[in-house]
Amino acid sequence: MYTPSASDGRQGLLLGAIIASQFAPAFMFSGVAVALPSLAVDLGASARQVGLVETLFLAGSASFLLPIGRWADATDARTLYRAGLLCFAVLTGLLALAPRVEALLILRFLQGGSAAVVTTTGGALLAQLAPAERRGRVFGAAIGATYAGLSVGPLCAGWLVDLGGWRFVFLGGAALLLAFAAPVVALLACRWRKAEKGAVHWPSSLLFAAAVQCAVLGTASWREGWLGIAGVLLALALGATFVAWQSRLARPLVDLRQLRGNAPLESALLVQALLYMNAYANIVLLSLHLQIVLQRPAAEAGLILASGAAFMALLAPCSGWLADRLGPRRMVAAGVAVILVLACYAANLEAEQGAWPVLVVLLLHGLGFALFSTPNMMVVMSALPPSQYSIASALSAQSRSLGMLGGMLVLAVLLSLAFGAEGLESDPARLLAVEHRAWALLAIAGAAALYFALGSARRARRAA
């Protein structure tokens, strides 16, 4: 495999192209949150279906991260990265043409699967190409590009929704993805090799995907009683079967014994999963709060939502620079503490307060995740040898996806119980009550994350 030197100009261009490409998926990720109210009205989507638009994207990503990580290690992460980026662009364009909400939900799940390819292989490629002494800065730049996409996404999506409706958001995202894919395709030389037999255990991969889907559909149907309960119980049973099956495989998707024996990796992934329950749920809750509770237009809501992600984009590279010098674990704990404060504060938002408290929540969101993201990624990547960078990247992405999925499942249950088949716009006061309950539960997850983060920092000091 070609590994350029630190002075190689191709390496610098390639690193820049991969870092820049991280902008586009995040742009789509945050932009759709602003488009939800317009999409719901145009397609006649219920509160349950609105939740599924976002949750199924996360479910598709979570379902395939681990097998893609194994497959990338066994074949070629470069080829998969290029193919995943192009597939993401095509599916985004097809979403703009969806005639019914049911078709859109299927495409969102598939789009999440293509995002899993980009997420898993992108982090592994950055780890391979960046010199060790610059790795923190490279990860910081990549996360900064991601947060730049998160900040511009709501801003542009709000303008596009006001200009031509929610479909324009997907059309714009598809064009942007193709633009960023072009230099990656031109610069990224591939070295495809056939995977060894048994390199990826696809039956257990499909079992895990089925468990995730049952969890999503079960929580979305929670108001129906037995149907929702049966879906969640089936998800738990399939998940337990997956874990038991992995322990008996010679080459499992996740070596749970190795994971349990690697305390830094185990702690970093657990803290990340708990903290990321806040990540996407916060953006969706604030978008709904601005557009339905406060009755602000989509363009204004997008402008407000952009502020927090812009703050993250500015701070993320500094976070990587500081982590290279000060060590990552204290910064991880500080970021978790800020997100806990955010959840406690947001649980008391009221309609008569206007938009200023929303700005406070967004700035806390930006500060907390900027302090946390790069240092925690450094802990994860340094916990495994270079030969396992793809699976380390997959585990990190899986932890984030499961955390975000968990936060959205919490929101899906609360929306299902409160609204069922009704539209969210039918009762803004009821939606505000759902927001309060959601942030209270997210605060509990943040408190647990802080407990484990402080414990990891104490163990690291004792080991030093």
Protein backbone atom coordinates (compact mmCIF):
# COMPACT_ATOMS: atom_id res chain seq x y z
CA MET A 1 0.00 0.00 0.00
CA TYR A 2 1.34 3.43 -0.93
CA THR A 3 2.25 5.53 2.12
CA PRO A 4 3.65 8.93 1.17
CA SER A 5 6.28 10.71 3.21
CA ALA A 6 5.54 13.76 5.35
CA SER A 7 7.03 16.02 2.65
CA ASP A 8 5.19 14.48 -0.25
CA GLY A 9 3.02 17.07 -2.02
CA ARG A 10 0.51 14.41 -3.04
CA GLN A 11 0.01 13.52 0.60
CA GLY A 12 -0.84 17.11 1.48
CA LEU A 13 -3.29 17.46 -1.40
CA LEU A 14 -4.90 14.13 -0.60
CA LEU A 15 -5.25 14.95 3.09
CA GLY A 16 -6.78 18.29 2.16
CA ALA A 17 -9.27 16.66 -0.21
CA ILE A 18 -10.37 14.05 2.36
CA ILE A 19 -10.68 16.70 5.08
CA ALA A 20 -12.71 18.95 2.75
CA SER A 21 -15.02 16.07 1.78
CA GLN A 22 -16.08 15.74 5.42
CA PHE A 23 -17.99 19.00 4.94
CA ALA A 24 -20.67 17.65 2.60
CA PRO A 25 -22.22 14.78 4.64
CA ALA A 26 -22.44 17.06 7.67
CA PHE A 27 -24.06 19.73 5.51
CA MET A 28 -26.84 17.28 4.64
CA PHE A 29 -27.03 15.96 8.18
CA SER A 30 -27.89 19.32 9.76
CA GLY A 31 -29.82 20.75 6.83
CA VAL A 32 -32.52 18.07 6.91
CA ALA A 33 -33.39 19.01 10.50
CA VAL A 34 -34.43 22.47 9.28
CA ALA A 35 -36.42 20.97 6.39
CA LEU A 36 -38.54 18.69 8.61
CA PRO A 37 -41.55 21.00 9.15
CA SER A 38 -41.79 21.80 5.41
CA LEU A 39 -41.37 18.11 4.51
CA ALA A 40 -44.06 17.08 7.00
CA VAL A 41 -46.62 19.51 5.56
CA ASP A 42 -45.83 18.71 1.91
CA LEU A 43 -45.95 14.91 2.30
CA GLY A 44 -48.58 14.81 5.05
CA ALA A 45 -46.17 13.11 7.45
CA SER A 46 -47.24 12.35 11.02
CA ALA A 47 -45.12 13.05 14.09
CA ARG A 48 -44.03 9.39 14.03
CA GLN A 49 -42.90 9.62 10.40
CA VAL A 50 -41.09 12.91 10.99
CA GLY A 51 -39.06 11.19 13.71
CA LEU A 52 -38.33 8.27 11.38
CA VAL A 53 -36.90 10.59 8.69
CA GLU A 54 -33.96 11.26 10.98
CA THR A 55 -33.88 8.05 12.97
CA LEU A 56 -33.73 5.77 9.92
CA PHE A 57 -30.72 7.66 8.58
CA LEU A 58 -28.91 6.98 11.86
CA ALA A 59 -30.16 3.38 11.85
CA GLY A 60 -28.74 2.79 8.37
CA SER A 61 -25.40 4.20 9.45
CA ALA A 62 -25.27 2.23 12.71
CA SER A 63 -26.25 -1.02 11.00
CA PHE A 64 -23.28 -1.17 8.62
CA LEU A 65 -20.39 0.62 10.32
CA LEU A 66 -18.77 -2.47 11.79
CA PRO A 67 -18.93 -4.78 8.74
CA ILE A 68 -17.69 -1.93 6.54
CA GLY A 69 -14.75 -1.41 8.92
CA ARG A 70 -13.82 -5.10 8.68
CA TRP A 71 -14.29 -5.11 4.93
CA ALA A 72 -12.09 -2.01 4.54
CA ASP A 73 -9.29 -3.65 6.56
CA ALA A 74 -9.57 -6.80 4.43
CA THR A 75 -9.78 -5.07 1.02
CA ASP A 76 -9.01 -1.38 0.43
CA ALA A 77 -10.36 1.56 2.45
CA ARG A 78 -9.56 3.92 -0.44
CA THR A 79 -11.79 2.17 -2.96
CA LEU A 80 -14.64 1.92 -0.47
CA TYR A 81 -14.29 5.59 0.48
CA ARG A 82 -14.59 6.74 -3.13
CA ALA A 83 -17.55 4.44 -3.84
CA GLY A 84 -19.31 5.44 -0.62
CA LEU A 85 -18.98 9.15 -1.35
CA LEU A 86 -20.42 8.74 -4.86
CA CYS A 87 -23.25 6.51 -3.61
CA PHE A 88 -24.09 9.07 -0.93
CA ALA A 89 -24.41 11.74 -3.63
CA VAL A 90 -26.71 9.63 -5.83
CA LEU A 91 -29.03 8.66 -2.98
CA THR A 92 -29.23 12.28 -1.83
CA GLY A 93 -30.39 13.28 -5.31
CA LEU A 94 -33.00 10.51 -5.35
CA LEU A 95 -34.37 11.73 -2.01
CA ALA A 96 -35.28 15.03 -3.67
CA LEU A 97 -37.56 13.07 -6.06
CA ALA A 98 -39.37 10.95 -3.43
CA PRO A 99 -43.12 11.07 -4.21
CA ARG A 100 -44.33 9.74 -0.83
CA VAL A 101 -43.04 9.69 2.71
CA GLU A 102 -42.71 5.88 2.63
CA ALA A 103 -40.27 6.03 -0.31
CA LEU A 104 -38.35 8.81 1.41
CA LEU A 105 -37.96 6.71 4.57
CA ILE A 106 -36.51 3.76 2.60
CA LEU A 107 -34.04 6.05 0.81
CA ARG A 108 -33.02 7.67 4.10
CA PHE A 109 -32.07 4.26 5.50
CA LEU A 110 -29.99 3.49 2.40
CA GLN A 111 -28.42 6.95 2.55
CA GLY A 112 -27.39 6.22 6.13
CA GLY A 113 -25.72 3.02 4.94
CA SER A 114 -23.67 4.93 2.37
CA ALA A 115 -22.75 7.47 5.05
CA ALA A 116 -21.39 4.57 7.11
CA VAL A 117 -18.92 3.78 4.33
CA VAL A 118 -17.69 7.38 4.18
CA THR A 119 -17.45 7.76 7.96
CA THR A 120 -15.61 4.51 8.59
CA THR A 121 -13.05 4.69 5.81
CA GLY A 122 -12.49 8.46 6.02
CA GLY A 123 -11.14 8.35 9.57
CA ALA A 124 -8.93 5.38 8.74
CA LEU A 125 -7.44 7.14 5.70
CA LEU A 126 -6.61 10.25 7.73
CA ALA A 127 -4.89 8.08 10.35
CA GLN A 128 -2.87 6.29 7.63
CA LEU A 129 -1.78 9.41 5.77
CA ALA A 130 -1.09 11.86 8.62
CA PRO A 131 2.32 11.78 10.37
CA ALA A 132 2.01 10.79 14.04
CA GLU A 133 3.17 14.18 15.32
CA ARG A 134 0.45 15.97 13.29
CA ARG A 135 -2.39 13.52 13.77
CA GLY A 136 -4.20 15.61 16.38
CA ARG A 137 -4.16 18.66 14.10
CA VAL A 138 -5.33 16.61 11.10
CA PHE A 139 -8.23 15.12 13.06
CA GLY A 140 -9.00 18.58 14.42
CA ALA A 141 -9.11 19.98 10.87
CA ALA A 142 -11.39 17.14 9.73
CA ILE A 143 -13.75 17.67 12.64
CA GLY A 144 -13.58 21.41 11.96
CA ALA A 145 -14.69 20.73 8.36
CA THR A 146 -17.50 18.56 9.68
CA TYR A 147 -18.64 21.29 12.03
CA ALA A 148 -18.39 23.84 9.23
CA GLY A 149 -20.84 21.65 7.32
CA LEU A 150 -23.05 21.47 10.38
CA SER A 151 -23.02 25.26 10.64
CA VAL A 152 -23.65 26.03 6.97
CA GLY A 153 -26.26 23.25 6.64
CA PRO A 154 -29.03 24.92 8.65
CA LEU A 155 -28.23 28.33 7.16
CA CYS A 156 -28.44 27.15 3.54
CA ALA A 157 -31.28 24.72 4.22
CA GLY A 158 -33.44 27.47 5.73
CA TRP A 159 -32.84 29.64 2.67
CA LEU A 160 -33.48 26.72 0.28
CA VAL A 161 -36.71 25.75 2.07
CA ASP A 162 -38.01 29.31 1.82
CA LEU A 163 -36.90 29.45 -1.84
CA GLY A 164 -38.35 26.19 -3.16
CA GLY A 165 -39.25 23.76 -0.38
CA TRP A 166 -37.56 20.81 1.29
CA ARG A 167 -36.64 19.10 -2.02
CA PHE A 168 -34.16 21.88 -2.77
CA VAL A 169 -32.22 20.89 0.35
CA PHE A 170 -31.56 17.40 -1.04
CA LEU A 171 -30.77 18.69 -4.53
CA GLY A 172 -28.25 21.13 -3.10
CA GLY A 173 -26.72 18.40 -0.95
CA ALA A 174 -26.33 16.08 -3.94
CA ALA A 175 -24.56 18.77 -5.97
CA LEU A 176 -22.23 19.56 -3.09
CA LEU A 177 -21.37 15.90 -2.54
CA LEU A 178 -20.49 15.45 -6.20
CA ALA A 179 -18.29 18.56 -6.09
CA PHE A 180 -16.32 17.25 -3.12
CA ALA A 181 -16.11 13.73 -4.55
CA ALA A 182 -14.36 14.95 -7.73
CA PRO A 183 -10.92 15.74 -6.19
CA VAL A 184 -11.05 12.63 -4.01
CA VAL A 185 -11.64 10.43 -7.07
CA ALA A 186 -8.82 12.20 -8.93
CA LEU A 187 -6.21 12.03 -6.15
CA LEU A 188 -6.98 8.84 -4.24
CA ALA A 189 -5.10 5.91 -5.79
CA CYS A 190 -6.79 2.58 -5.03
CA ARG A 191 -5.19 -0.79 -4.32
CA TRP A 192 -8.14 -3.17 -4.24
CA ARG A 193 -7.46 -6.70 -3.06
CA LYS A 194 -9.86 -9.58 -2.66
CA ALA A 195 -10.93 -10.21 0.90
CA GLU A 196 -9.98 -13.48 2.53
CA LYS A 197 -12.76 -15.96 3.11
CA GLY A 198 -14.51 -15.17 6.39
CA ALA A 199 -12.99 -11.70 6.72
CA VAL A 200 -16.49 -10.30 7.31
CA HIS A 201 -19.21 -12.37 8.94
CA TRP A 202 -22.19 -11.12 6.96
CA PRO A 203 -24.91 -13.25 8.67
CA SER A 204 -24.24 -11.63 12.04
CA SER A 205 -24.01 -8.25 10.30
CA LEU A 206 -27.53 -8.70 8.96
CA LEU A 207 -28.68 -9.86 12.39
CA PHE A 208 -27.38 -6.64 13.94
CA ALA A 209 -29.06 -4.56 11.23
CA ALA A 210 -32.34 -6.35 11.95
CA ALA A 211 -31.97 -5.61 15.67
CA VAL A 212 -31.46 -1.91 14.96
CA GLN A 213 -34.48 -1.81 12.66
CA CYS A 214 -36.70 -3.53 15.21
CA ALA A 215 -35.60 -1.01 17.85
CA VAL A 216 -36.40 1.92 15.55
CA LEU A 217 -39.81 0.63 14.44
CA GLY A 218 -40.71 -0.55 17.94
CA THR A 219 -40.03 2.81 19.55
CA ALA A 220 -41.85 4.64 16.73
CA SER A 221 -44.91 2.44 17.40
CA TRP A 222 -44.73 2.72 21.18
CA ARG A 223 -48.17 4.35 21.43
CA GLU A 224 -49.75 1.26 19.83
CA GLY A 225 -48.92 -0.74 22.96
CA TRP A 226 -48.19 -4.38 22.23
CA LEU A 227 -46.78 -3.67 18.74
CA GLY A 228 -44.16 -1.24 20.01
CA ILE A 229 -43.29 -3.42 23.00
CA ALA A 230 -42.93 -6.49 20.77
CA GLY A 231 -40.58 -4.58 18.44
CA VAL A 232 -38.33 -3.45 21.30
CA LEU A 233 -38.29 -6.92 22.90
CA LEU A 234 -37.41 -8.50 19.55
CA ALA A 235 -34.61 -5.94 19.13
CA LEU A 236 -33.21 -6.86 22.56
CA ALA A 237 -33.40 -10.58 21.74
CA LEU A 238 -31.65 -10.12 18.39
CA GLY A 239 -29.01 -7.91 20.02
CA ALA A 240 -28.32 -10.52 22.69
CA THR A 241 -28.06 -13.21 20.01
CA PHE A 242 -25.60 -11.01 18.09
CA VAL A 243 -23.38 -10.58 21.17
CA ALA A 244 -23.44 -14.32 21.93
CA TRP A 245 -22.68 -15.17 18.31
CA GLN A 246 -19.71 -12.77 18.21
CA SER A 247 -18.11 -14.48 21.22
CA ARG A 248 -18.06 -17.80 19.32
CA LEU A 249 -16.71 -16.54 15.99
CA ALA A 250 -13.03 -16.92 15.09
CA ARG A 251 -13.12 -13.51 13.36
CA PRO A 252 -15.96 -11.52 14.92
CA LEU A 253 -17.09 -8.09 13.83
CA VAL A 254 -16.30 -6.91 17.36
CA ASP A 255 -13.83 -8.82 19.50
CA LEU A 256 -15.66 -8.23 22.77
CA ARG A 257 -12.90 -9.94 24.77
CA GLN A 258 -10.30 -7.58 23.30
CA LEU A 259 -12.59 -4.63 23.91
CA ARG A 260 -13.12 -5.56 27.55
CA GLY A 261 -9.38 -5.90 28.01
CA ASN A 262 -8.66 -2.49 26.51
CA ALA A 263 -9.73 -0.06 29.25
CA PRO A 264 -8.88 3.22 27.41
CA LEU A 265 -10.81 2.13 24.30
CA GLU A 266 -13.77 0.78 26.27
CA SER A 267 -14.08 3.96 28.35
CA ALA A 268 -13.70 6.31 25.37
CA LEU A 269 -16.39 4.50 23.38
CA LEU A 270 -18.81 4.37 26.33
CA VAL A 271 -18.40 8.07 27.12
CA GLN A 272 -18.81 8.94 23.45
CA ALA A 273 -22.02 6.92 23.09
CA LEU A 274 -23.57 8.53 26.17
CA LEU A 275 -22.56 12.05 25.17
CA TYR A 276 -23.67 11.71 21.56
CA MET A 277 -27.21 10.98 22.70
CA ASN A 278 -27.33 14.79 22.93
CA ALA A 279 -25.69 15.51 19.57
CA TYR A 280 -28.41 15.09 16.96
CA ALA A 281 -31.39 15.19 19.32
CA ASN A 282 -30.35 18.72 20.35
CA ILE A 283 -30.39 19.98 16.75
CA VAL A 284 -33.75 18.37 15.95
CA LEU A 285 -35.34 19.60 19.19
CA LEU A 286 -34.09 23.15 18.67
CA SER A 287 -35.24 23.19 15.03
CA LEU A 288 -38.74 22.11 16.07
CA HIS A 289 -38.70 24.57 18.97
CA LEU A 290 -37.82 27.50 16.71
CA GLN A 291 -40.21 26.69 13.85
CA ILE A 292 -43.22 25.26 15.71
CA VAL A 293 -43.11 26.57 19.28
CA LEU A 294 -41.67 30.02 18.46
CA GLN A 295 -43.19 30.18 14.94
CA ARG A 296 -39.97 31.42 13.30
CA PRO A 297 -39.54 30.99 9.50
CA ALA A 298 -37.15 28.32 8.21
CA ALA A 299 -34.51 30.83 7.07
CA GLU A 300 -34.37 32.47 10.49
CA ALA A 301 -34.30 29.11 12.27
CA GLY A 302 -31.42 28.00 10.03
CA LEU A 303 -29.47 31.17 10.78
CA ILE A 304 -29.86 30.65 14.53
CA LEU A 305 -28.97 26.95 14.37
CA ALA A 306 -25.86 27.75 12.34
CA SER A 307 -24.33 29.73 15.21
CA GLY A 308 -23.61 26.75 17.47
CA ALA A 309 -22.03 24.65 14.74
CA ALA A 310 -19.98 27.66 13.56
CA PHE A 311 -18.65 27.94 17.10
CA MET A 312 -17.68 24.25 16.97
CA ALA A 313 -15.96 24.75 13.60
CA LEU A 314 -13.83 27.54 15.04
CA LEU A 315 -12.85 25.68 18.20
CA ALA A 316 -12.32 22.13 16.89
CA PRO A 317 -8.86 22.74 15.31
CA CYS A 318 -7.73 24.49 18.52
CA SER A 319 -8.94 21.49 20.48
CA GLY A 320 -6.72 19.17 18.43
CA TRP A 321 -3.74 21.49 18.85
CA LEU A 322 -4.23 21.61 22.64
CA ALA A 323 -4.74 17.86 22.87
CA ASP A 324 -1.38 17.29 21.13
CA ARG A 325 0.28 19.27 23.92
CA LEU A 326 -1.81 18.83 27.08
CA GLY A 327 -3.15 15.30 26.65
CA PRO A 328 -6.73 14.51 25.71
CA ARG A 329 -8.50 13.11 28.78
CA ARG A 330 -8.97 16.32 30.79
CA MET A 331 -10.39 18.03 27.74
CA VAL A 332 -12.77 15.10 27.21
CA ALA A 333 -14.13 15.53 30.75
CA ALA A 334 -14.47 19.30 30.30
CA GLY A 335 -16.48 18.83 27.11
CA VAL A 336 -18.81 16.34 28.78
CA ALA A 337 -19.39 18.75 31.69
CA VAL A 338 -20.42 21.54 29.30
CA ILE A 339 -22.95 19.27 27.54
CA LEU A 340 -24.43 18.29 30.92
CA VAL A 341 -24.92 21.98 31.77
CA LEU A 342 -26.55 22.45 28.35
CA ALA A 343 -29.12 19.70 28.90
CA CYS A 344 -30.06 21.01 32.35
CA TYR A 345 -30.48 24.53 30.99
CA ALA A 346 -32.46 23.45 27.89
CA ALA A 347 -34.91 21.45 30.03
CA ASN A 348 -36.24 24.82 31.25
CA LEU A 349 -36.80 26.56 27.88
CA GLU A 350 -40.16 28.33 27.59
CA ALA A 351 -41.99 29.84 24.61
CA GLU A 352 -42.17 33.35 26.07
CA GLN A 353 -38.38 33.50 26.45
CA GLY A 354 -37.90 33.90 22.71
CA ALA A 355 -34.83 32.87 20.72
CA TRP A 356 -32.03 34.14 23.00
CA PRO A 357 -32.00 31.08 25.29
CA VAL A 358 -31.77 28.93 22.16
CA LEU A 359 -28.58 30.76 21.23
CA VAL A 360 -27.16 30.02 24.69
CA VAL A 361 -27.95 26.32 24.23
CA LEU A 362 -26.30 26.31 20.79
CA LEU A 363 -23.13 28.01 22.04
CA LEU A 364 -22.86 25.50 24.89
CA HIS A 365 -23.41 22.72 22.36
CA GLY A 366 -20.62 24.06 20.17
CA LEU A 367 -18.19 24.50 23.06
CA GLY A 368 -18.87 21.09 24.60
CA PHE A 369 -18.53 19.03 21.44
CA ALA A 370 -15.51 21.02 20.24
CA LEU A 371 -13.70 20.27 23.51
CA PHE A 372 -14.72 16.62 23.41
CA SER A 373 -14.59 15.36 19.82
CA THR A 374 -10.95 15.60 18.74
CA PRO A 375 -9.37 14.48 22.06
CA ASN A 376 -11.69 11.50 22.32
CA MET A 377 -10.92 10.47 18.74
CA MET A 378 -7.21 10.59 19.60
CA VAL A 379 -7.79 8.27 22.58
CA VAL A 380 -9.72 5.80 20.40
CA MET A 381 -7.19 5.73 17.55
CA SER A 382 -4.20 5.39 19.88
CA ALA A 383 -5.78 2.44 21.72
CA LEU A 384 -5.29 0.07 18.74
CA PRO A 385 -2.27 -0.63 16.45
CA PRO A 386 -2.03 0.93 12.96
CA SER A 387 -3.10 -2.33 11.31
CA GLN A 388 -6.50 -1.92 12.97
CA TYR A 389 -7.11 1.77 12.21
CA SER A 390 -10.15 1.01 10.05
CA ILE A 391 -11.84 -1.00 12.79
CA ALA A 392 -10.88 1.67 15.37
CA SER A 393 -12.50 4.29 13.15
CA ALA A 394 -15.53 2.02 12.72
CA LEU A 395 -15.84 1.47 16.48
CA SER A 396 -15.67 5.21 17.07
CA ALA A 397 -18.24 5.92 14.37
CA GLN A 398 -20.42 3.08 15.68
CA SER A 399 -20.27 4.52 19.17
CA ARG A 400 -21.29 7.94 17.88
CA SER A 401 -24.06 6.48 15.72
CA LEU A 402 -25.48 4.33 18.52
CA GLY A 403 -25.39 7.35 20.82
CA MET A 404 -27.17 9.58 18.31
CA LEU A 405 -29.59 6.78 17.50
CA GLY A 406 -30.28 6.31 21.22
CA GLY A 407 -31.04 10.00 21.63
CA MET A 408 -33.38 9.96 18.62
CA LEU A 409 -35.09 6.79 19.88
CA VAL A 410 -35.79 8.57 23.16
CA LEU A 411 -37.28 11.45 21.18
CA ALA A 412 -39.25 9.03 18.96
CA VAL A 413 -40.86 7.37 21.99
CA LEU A 414 -41.80 10.73 23.51
CA LEU A 415 -43.27 12.03 20.24
CA SER A 416 -45.15 8.79 19.65
CA LEU A 417 -46.68 8.88 23.12
CA ALA A 418 -47.60 12.56 22.87
CA PHE A 419 -48.82 12.83 19.24
CA GLY A 420 -49.24 9.40 17.63
CA ALA A 421 -50.51 9.98 14.08
CA GLU A 422 -51.14 13.70 14.64
CA GLY A 423 -48.92 16.38 13.15
CA LEU A 424 -46.43 18.19 15.38
CA GLU A 425 -47.87 21.57 14.44
CA SER A 426 -51.25 20.60 15.95
CA ASP A 427 -50.23 21.52 19.53
CA PRO A 428 -47.06 23.60 20.14
CA ALA A 429 -47.60 23.53 23.93
CA ARG A 430 -47.60 19.73 23.90
CA LEU A 431 -44.43 19.75 21.81
CA LEU A 432 -42.75 22.02 24.39
CA ALA A 433 -43.61 19.52 27.13
CA VAL A 434 -42.02 16.75 25.04
CA GLU A 435 -38.88 18.89 24.70
CA HIS A 436 -38.61 19.31 28.48
CA ARG A 437 -38.90 15.56 29.08
CA ALA A 438 -36.38 14.79 26.33
CA TRP A 439 -33.73 17.14 27.70
CA ALA A 440 -34.24 15.83 31.23
CA LEU A 441 -33.45 12.31 29.99
CA LEU A 442 -30.48 13.60 27.99
CA ALA A 443 -29.15 15.27 31.15
CA ILE A 444 -29.16 11.89 32.88
CA ALA A 445 -27.10 10.43 30.01
CA GLY A 446 -24.70 13.38 30.26
CA ALA A 447 -24.24 12.84 34.00
CA ALA A 448 -23.36 9.19 33.39
CA ALA A 449 -20.87 10.21 30.67
CA LEU A 450 -19.19 12.66 33.05
CA TYR A 451 -18.86 9.97 35.73
CA PHE A 452 -17.07 7.59 33.35
CA ALA A 453 -14.92 10.37 31.81
CA LEU A 454 -13.64 11.48 35.23
CA GLY A 455 -12.92 7.85 36.12
CA SER A 456 -10.88 7.39 32.95
CA ALA A 457 -8.89 10.57 33.67
CA ARG A 458 -8.10 9.36 37.20
CA ARG A 459 -6.89 5.97 35.92
CA ALA A 460 -4.69 7.67 33.33
CA ARG A 461 -3.05 9.88 36.02
CA ARG A 462 -2.37 6.87 38.22
CA ALA A 463 -0.87 4.93 35.28
CA ALA A 464 1.43 7.89 34.49
